[in-house]
Structure formats: structure tokens, C-alpha cells
């Protein structure tokens, strides 16, 4: 059995090889008559030719059969070879998993960068499939811009304007609070 990386393990095997052999034989040139010269005994001259008919036949043969072979490997290397093949298969599976992860991470990186730039494939286009399952979310430690409403009843308020009183009706005053300056309408009538 042959594996990748040049690993080839010999295992017991049974081989059945059927065969059919066809043959046809004949002679050329074909002659129907054999001419044999007949000689004069005294002079040695040819008196005549004897013609004998020939019955040439073509030979045909058809042979068929099967060959059966059984091979058993000898020695202790067979187990080591199978162990090497199993290790090689595991390594190939790990390499495939690693390559798939690298491709997915590269796709995630490129698609996220493009989405942050505001660029994407038009939905329904053939290339949109590339980034259709990519989603840009907020980073775990990132604080998004937001506003808080502060409500408190115990503020130490002061004013730079003369005649300011917290109890006097007023429409608008600039108030100083420990964290800054703002305008607020107090005690609106």
C-alpha cells in the first residue's frame, strides 16, 4: 500500500489475474500446388514437373485461464511502516486544520479592516460571500462615547454675581461647582 511522503507498506495480498490469449498463424506466400522437377536418369535433364496439390491451413488457437497469487510479507518492519503511515496521516490532518485556520483568520482580518474603513461588497454579489459572516464589534476594553445624567441634592453652589441667593427667584445664573462651570435655571416660577 502506498502513502504520501514516500511511505510504502507491504501488506499481505491476493492477486487474481484472468487472461485470454488468441493466436492465428499462416504462411506466405500462399501456394495451392507444389511443383517438383522430375529428372532423366541418363542425362540429368528435367523431364517434367510433378504437381502436388497443397492443402495449407491457417492455425487458430484461443487459450484462456487465470493466475492466482498470494503474497505474505516477512519480517517485523510491517508494523513500523503502518505506524509511520498513521503518524503521517495525523500530521496531514493537523496541517489541513492549521491551513484552514490561517485562511479563516486572514479572511477575518482583511474583511474587518475593510468594514472599519466603510468598504464592503454589495450584498448579493458573488464576492459578498467572502465577508458575509464577518461582524465588527466593540473591543472588550474600549469605552464608547456616551453621556451620564447626574442627579444630586447636596451641591455646594456659589456664584460670582452680586445679590445671588439660592432662595431668591432667578431665571439664569452661572454656577460654580467643584467639577466645573455651567448655567442652570434655578427655581423657575
Protein backbone atom coordinates (compact mmCIF):
# COMPACT_ATOMS: atom_id res chain seq x y z
CA UNK A 1 0.00 0.00 0.00
CA UNK A 2 1.42 3.40 -0.96
CA UNK A 3 1.01 6.53 1.18
CA UNK A 4 2.27 10.08 0.71
CA UNK A 5 5.75 11.21 1.72
CA UNK A 6 7.22 8.12 0.05
CA UNK A 7 5.82 5.69 2.64
CA UNK A 8 5.07 2.36 1.01
CA UNK A 9 3.98 -0.55 3.20
CA UNK A 10 3.99 -4.16 2.07
CA UNK A 11 0.86 -5.97 3.15
CA UNK A 12 -0.45 -9.47 2.52
CA UNK A 13 -2.09 -9.52 -0.88
CA UNK A 14 -4.13 -11.83 -3.04
CA UNK A 15 -3.97 -11.25 -6.78
CA UNK A 16 -6.27 -12.82 -9.35
CA UNK A 17 -5.23 -12.24 -12.97
CA UNK A 18 -7.52 -13.65 -15.65
CA UNK A 19 -6.15 -13.91 -19.17
CA UNK A 20 -7.28 -14.72 -22.72
CA UNK A 21 -4.76 -15.46 -25.49
CA UNK A 22 -5.78 -15.57 -29.15
CA UNK A 23 -3.33 -16.58 -31.90
CA UNK A 24 -3.54 -17.00 -35.69
CA UNK A 25 -0.71 -18.38 -37.80
CA UNK A 26 -0.31 -18.88 -41.59
CA UNK A 27 2.41 -18.97 -44.29
CA UNK A 28 3.14 -16.51 -47.05
CA UNK A 29 3.14 -16.60 -49.99
CA UNK A 30 0.23 -18.95 -50.24
CA UNK A 31 0.68 -21.75 -52.76
CA UNK A 32 -2.01 -24.16 -53.84
CA UNK A 33 0.35 -26.51 -55.75
CA UNK A 34 3.86 -27.77 -55.06
CA UNK A 35 5.90 -28.30 -58.28
CA UNK A 36 8.65 -30.87 -58.06
CA UNK A 37 11.04 -31.41 -61.04
CA UNK A 38 11.47 -34.99 -62.30
CA UNK A 39 14.98 -35.66 -63.79
CA UNK A 40 16.09 -38.02 -66.56
CA UNK A 41 18.36 -40.65 -65.05
CA UNK A 42 20.74 -40.74 -68.03
CA UNK A 43 21.14 -37.11 -68.93
CA UNK A 44 20.07 -35.38 -65.71
CA UNK A 45 17.78 -33.05 -67.62
CA UNK A 46 14.37 -32.16 -66.31
CA UNK A 47 11.78 -34.31 -67.96
CA UNK A 48 8.70 -32.73 -66.44
CA UNK A 49 7.31 -31.21 -63.24
CA UNK A 50 5.17 -33.14 -60.85
CA UNK A 51 2.37 -31.03 -59.40
CA UNK A 52 1.07 -31.98 -56.00
CA UNK A 53 -1.89 -30.05 -54.58
CA UNK A 54 -1.23 -28.35 -51.23
CA UNK A 55 -3.83 -28.10 -48.55
CA UNK A 56 -2.44 -25.27 -46.44
CA UNK A 57 -4.41 -24.44 -43.39
CA UNK A 58 -4.38 -21.42 -41.15
CA UNK A 59 -3.91 -22.22 -37.47
CA UNK A 60 -6.11 -20.57 -34.88
CA UNK A 61 -5.88 -21.00 -31.13
CA UNK A 62 -7.75 -19.47 -28.23
CA UNK A 63 -6.43 -20.01 -24.70
CA UNK A 64 -7.91 -18.67 -21.53
CA UNK A 65 -7.34 -19.04 -17.82
CA UNK A 66 -6.46 -17.25 -14.61
CA UNK A 67 -3.45 -16.82 -12.38
CA UNK A 68 -3.86 -16.62 -8.59
CA UNK A 69 -1.05 -15.26 -6.39
CA UNK A 70 -0.89 -14.86 -2.61
CA UNK A 71 1.95 -12.75 -1.13
CA UNK A 72 2.84 -12.60 2.57
CA UNK A 73 5.49 -10.11 3.73
CA UNK A 74 8.15 -11.46 6.06
CA UNK A 75 9.93 -9.55 8.83
CA UNK A 76 8.96 -7.10 11.57
CA UNK A 77 9.03 -3.88 9.54
CA UNK A 78 5.36 -4.07 8.61
CA UNK A 79 4.15 -2.75 11.99
CA UNK A 80 6.63 0.14 11.91
CA UNK A 81 5.54 1.03 8.40
CA UNK A 82 1.88 1.17 9.44
CA UNK A 83 2.77 3.30 12.46
CA UNK A 84 4.69 5.71 10.22
CA UNK A 85 1.71 5.88 7.86
CA UNK A 86 -0.70 6.64 10.75
CA UNK A 87 1.63 9.38 12.05
CA UNK A 88 1.87 10.85 8.56
CA UNK A 89 -1.93 10.89 8.21
CA UNK A 90 -2.30 12.65 11.60
CA UNK A 91 0.30 15.23 10.54
CA UNK A 92 -1.54 15.88 7.29
CA UNK A 93 -4.82 16.36 9.18
CA UNK A 94 -3.13 18.82 11.55
CA UNK A 95 -1.61 20.68 8.61
CA UNK A 96 -5.03 20.87 6.94
CA UNK A 97 -6.59 22.21 10.16
CA UNK A 98 -3.78 24.75 10.59
CA UNK A 99 -4.09 25.93 6.98
CA UNK A 100 -7.89 26.25 7.31
CA UNK A 101 -7.45 28.33 10.49
CA UNK A 102 -4.85 30.56 8.83
CA UNK A 103 -7.13 31.15 5.84
CA UNK A 104 -10.08 31.96 8.13
CA UNK A 105 -8.01 34.35 10.27
CA UNK A 106 -6.62 36.09 7.18
CA UNK A 107 -10.14 36.47 5.77
CA UNK A 108 -11.35 37.79 9.16
CA UNK A 109 -8.51 40.33 9.31
CA UNK A 110 -8.96 41.65 5.77
CA UNK A 111 -12.77 41.82 5.97
CA UNK A 112 -12.68 43.56 9.39
CA UNK A 113 -10.19 46.15 8.14
CA UNK A 114 -12.37 46.88 5.13
CA UNK A 115 -15.55 47.09 7.21
CA UNK A 116 -13.83 49.59 9.58
CA UNK A 117 -12.95 51.67 6.51
CA UNK A 118 -16.59 51.58 5.49
CA UNK A 119 -15.99 49.39 2.44
CA UNK A 120 -17.88 46.17 1.76
CA UNK A 121 -19.05 44.03 -1.12
CA UNK A 122 -22.51 44.77 -2.41
CA UNK A 123 -24.96 42.25 -0.89
CA UNK A 124 -25.87 39.54 -3.35
CA UNK A 125 -22.68 39.91 -5.40
CA UNK A 126 -20.53 36.80 -5.91
CA UNK A 127 -17.74 38.28 -3.76
CA UNK A 128 -20.08 39.20 -0.89
CA UNK A 129 -19.92 35.59 0.28
CA UNK A 130 -16.30 36.21 1.28
CA UNK A 131 -17.21 38.56 4.14
CA UNK A 132 -20.87 37.82 4.78
CA UNK A 133 -20.24 36.16 8.16
CA UNK A 134 -17.75 38.78 9.43
CA UNK A 135 -19.01 41.21 12.07
CA UNK A 136 -17.17 44.18 13.65
CA UNK A 137 -17.94 44.60 17.37
CA UNK A 138 -16.67 46.81 20.24
CA UNK A 139 -13.27 45.92 21.65
CA UNK A 140 -13.51 44.46 25.19
CA UNK A 141 -11.64 47.36 26.87
CA UNK A 142 -12.98 50.15 24.65
CA UNK A 143 -15.31 52.83 26.12
CA UNK A 144 -17.74 54.18 23.56
CA UNK A 145 -18.71 57.89 23.62
CA UNK A 146 -21.69 58.31 25.95
CA UNK A 147 -23.38 60.78 28.38
CA UNK A 148 -24.36 60.47 32.01
CA UNK A 149 -27.06 62.41 33.79
CA UNK A 150 -26.00 63.46 37.28
CA UNK A 151 -28.71 63.97 39.88
CA UNK A 152 -27.81 65.24 43.32
CA UNK A 153 -29.47 67.38 46.02
CA UNK A 154 -26.39 68.26 48.11
CA UNK A 155 -24.34 70.50 45.87
CA UNK A 156 -22.19 73.29 47.24
CA UNK A 157 -23.15 76.07 44.85
CA UNK A 158 -21.60 79.52 44.68
CA UNK A 159 -21.99 82.39 42.23
CA UNK A 160 -19.83 85.32 41.14
CA UNK A 161 -22.88 87.57 40.59
CA UNK A 162 -23.77 90.06 43.34
CA UNK A 163 -27.05 89.55 45.12
CA UNK A 164 -27.25 85.88 44.28
CA UNK A 165 -29.29 83.81 46.63
CA UNK A 166 -30.29 80.22 46.41
CA UNK A 167 -33.71 81.19 47.75
CA UNK A 168 -34.34 84.22 45.53
CA UNK A 169 -36.23 83.67 42.27
CA UNK A 170 -33.91 83.93 39.28
CA UNK A 171 -34.01 82.92 35.65
CA UNK A 172 -30.43 82.07 34.85
CA UNK A 173 -27.15 82.08 36.75
CA UNK A 174 -23.65 80.86 36.16
CA UNK A 175 -22.92 78.39 38.90
CA UNK A 176 -19.55 77.12 40.11
CA UNK A 177 -19.48 73.53 41.18
CA UNK A 178 -16.46 71.53 42.25
CA UNK A 179 -16.10 69.93 38.78
CA UNK A 180 -16.66 72.94 36.51
CA UNK A 181 -18.93 75.85 35.49
CA UNK A 182 -22.38 75.60 33.90
CA UNK A 183 -25.56 77.62 33.54
CA UNK A 184 -28.73 76.45 35.18
CA UNK A 185 -32.16 77.89 35.75
CA UNK A 186 -32.99 77.74 39.40
CA UNK A 187 -36.37 77.95 40.99
CA UNK A 188 -38.28 78.75 37.88
CA UNK A 189 -41.62 80.35 38.57
